[in-house]
Structure formats: structure tokens, C-alpha cells
Amino acid sequence: MSGLRRAEGVVESEMEGDLFLVRPDDGEIFHLDRMAAGVWTLLAEPMSRAEVLAIFREAFPEVGPERIAADLDAALDEMLRDRLITELENDLRVD
């Protein structure tokens, strides 16, 4: 997986501490769990999966690294499938 970024036009809304995203093409609303909300927050600036994983591992040292990686991959897969985030093209990636 290359770099990741928020999908164009997705609108976020916070309500009573919960984060919701609205996809622009069809208006579908998504409620983000804590992992997905963290990913969304981190992707305010494009970054790689490895960078996101390192931040989560540092933030939650008491959680096993395998568990964090599995939870992150599940969140990324779902967010990519739902078109809330996209992968960066290799030639557009800024390191």
C-alpha cells in the first residue's frame, strides 16, 4: 500500500464526540469508530500506512503491535472500500 490521503470532497461532521463522514457523490453517511476517526485525523496530511502505524503504536504502547496492525488494516480496508480515503499515485507522493 502506497501513501494514503482523504478522498476529495468528503465532508466531516462531529456530533456529541462522534465523527461522521459524508461521501459527496451519493450523500452516504459513515459513522467512524475510534480507529477510523484516528486515521481520518492523521490523514489531514497524506502519509503512508507505515507512518500511521508508527503513530498508533507510539500512542498505544500497552496494545500489542500485531493487534494494532490488524485493527489499522481493517480500518484502512473499510475506508478505502467506502471511498473515504484513497491511495496516492506514486508520482504524486511527497516524502
Protein backbone atom coordinates (compact mmCIF):
# COMPACT_ATOMS: atom_id res chain seq x y z
CA MET A 1 0.00 0.00 0.00
CA SER A 2 1.42 3.36 -1.01
CA GLY A 3 0.66 6.72 0.52
CA LEU A 4 -2.86 7.50 1.68
CA ARG A 5 -4.96 10.65 1.70
CA ARG A 6 -8.51 11.74 2.39
CA ALA A 7 -10.80 11.39 -0.61
CA GLU A 8 -11.76 14.61 -2.37
CA GLY A 9 -14.96 16.24 -1.24
CA VAL A 10 -15.68 14.06 1.80
CA VAL A 11 -17.30 16.22 4.46
CA GLU A 12 -16.74 15.59 8.16
CA SER A 13 -19.09 16.43 10.98
CA GLU A 14 -18.63 15.90 14.69
CA MET A 15 -21.70 15.30 16.81
CA GLU A 16 -21.55 14.68 20.55
CA GLY A 17 -17.99 13.39 20.32
CA ASP A 18 -18.67 11.07 17.36
CA LEU A 19 -17.18 11.65 13.93
CA PHE A 20 -19.31 11.24 10.80
CA LEU A 21 -18.24 11.49 7.17
CA VAL A 22 -20.48 12.20 4.20
CA ARG A 23 -19.43 10.95 0.78
CA PRO A 24 -20.04 13.64 -1.84
CA ASP A 25 -21.14 11.51 -4.79
CA ASP A 26 -24.15 9.90 -3.10
CA GLY A 27 -24.52 11.58 0.30
CA GLU A 28 -23.97 8.32 2.19
CA ILE A 29 -23.15 8.92 5.86
CA PHE A 30 -20.48 6.93 7.71
CA HIS A 31 -20.00 6.79 11.48
CA LEU A 32 -16.33 6.28 12.31
CA ASP A 33 -15.17 4.13 15.19
CA ARG A 34 -12.21 5.35 17.23
CA MET A 35 -9.59 3.71 15.00
CA ALA A 36 -11.09 5.08 11.77
CA ALA A 37 -11.54 8.52 13.35
CA GLY A 38 -7.86 8.49 14.31
CA VAL A 39 -6.89 7.52 10.77
CA TRP A 40 -9.07 10.29 9.35
CA THR A 41 -7.47 12.83 11.68
CA LEU A 42 -3.95 11.71 10.78
CA LEU A 43 -4.71 11.88 7.06
CA ALA A 44 -5.28 15.63 7.22
CA GLU A 45 -1.87 15.40 5.54
CA PRO A 46 -1.08 12.46 3.24
CA MET A 47 1.06 9.75 4.80
CA SER A 48 1.95 6.11 4.37
CA ARG A 49 0.43 3.15 6.20
CA ALA A 50 3.79 2.68 7.95
CA GLU A 51 3.69 6.26 9.25
CA VAL A 52 0.12 5.85 10.53
CA LEU A 53 1.03 2.53 12.15
CA ALA A 54 4.06 4.04 13.90
CA ILE A 55 1.91 6.82 15.36
CA PHE A 56 -0.71 4.38 16.65
CA ARG A 57 1.97 2.12 18.15
CA GLU A 58 3.52 5.08 19.96
CA ALA A 59 0.12 6.31 21.17
CA PHE A 60 -0.92 2.87 22.48
CA PRO A 61 2.24 1.11 23.76
CA GLU A 62 0.15 -1.16 26.01
CA VAL A 63 -1.56 -2.74 22.98
CA GLY A 64 0.31 -5.47 21.13
CA PRO A 65 1.81 -4.37 17.81
CA GLU A 66 0.08 -7.21 15.94
CA ARG A 67 -3.30 -6.13 17.28
CA ILE A 68 -2.72 -2.51 16.28
CA ALA A 69 -1.59 -3.55 12.78
CA ALA A 70 -4.62 -5.81 12.31
CA ASP A 71 -7.06 -3.14 13.53
CA LEU A 72 -5.41 -0.49 11.37
CA ASP A 73 -5.51 -2.69 8.27
CA ALA A 74 -9.20 -3.43 8.86
CA ALA A 75 -9.96 0.29 9.20
CA LEU A 76 -7.93 1.19 6.11
CA ASP A 77 -9.55 -1.56 4.03
CA GLU A 78 -13.03 -0.39 5.02
CA MET A 79 -12.26 3.27 4.43
CA LEU A 80 -10.74 2.51 1.02
CA ARG A 81 -13.71 0.31 0.08
CA ASP A 82 -16.12 3.06 1.17
CA ARG A 83 -14.12 5.62 -0.88
CA LEU A 84 -13.44 7.83 2.15
CA ILE A 85 -9.67 7.67 1.62
CA THR A 86 -7.61 6.95 -1.48
CA GLU A 87 -4.14 5.76 -2.29
CA LEU A 88 -1.72 8.30 -3.69
CA GLU A 89 -0.22 7.76 -7.09
CA ASN A 90 3.50 7.05 -6.77
CA ASP A 91 4.45 10.09 -8.81
CA LEU A 92 2.32 12.39 -6.62
CA ARG A 93 3.74 11.19 -3.30
CA VAL A 94 5.64 13.76 -1.31
CA ASP A 95 8.22 12.25 1.03
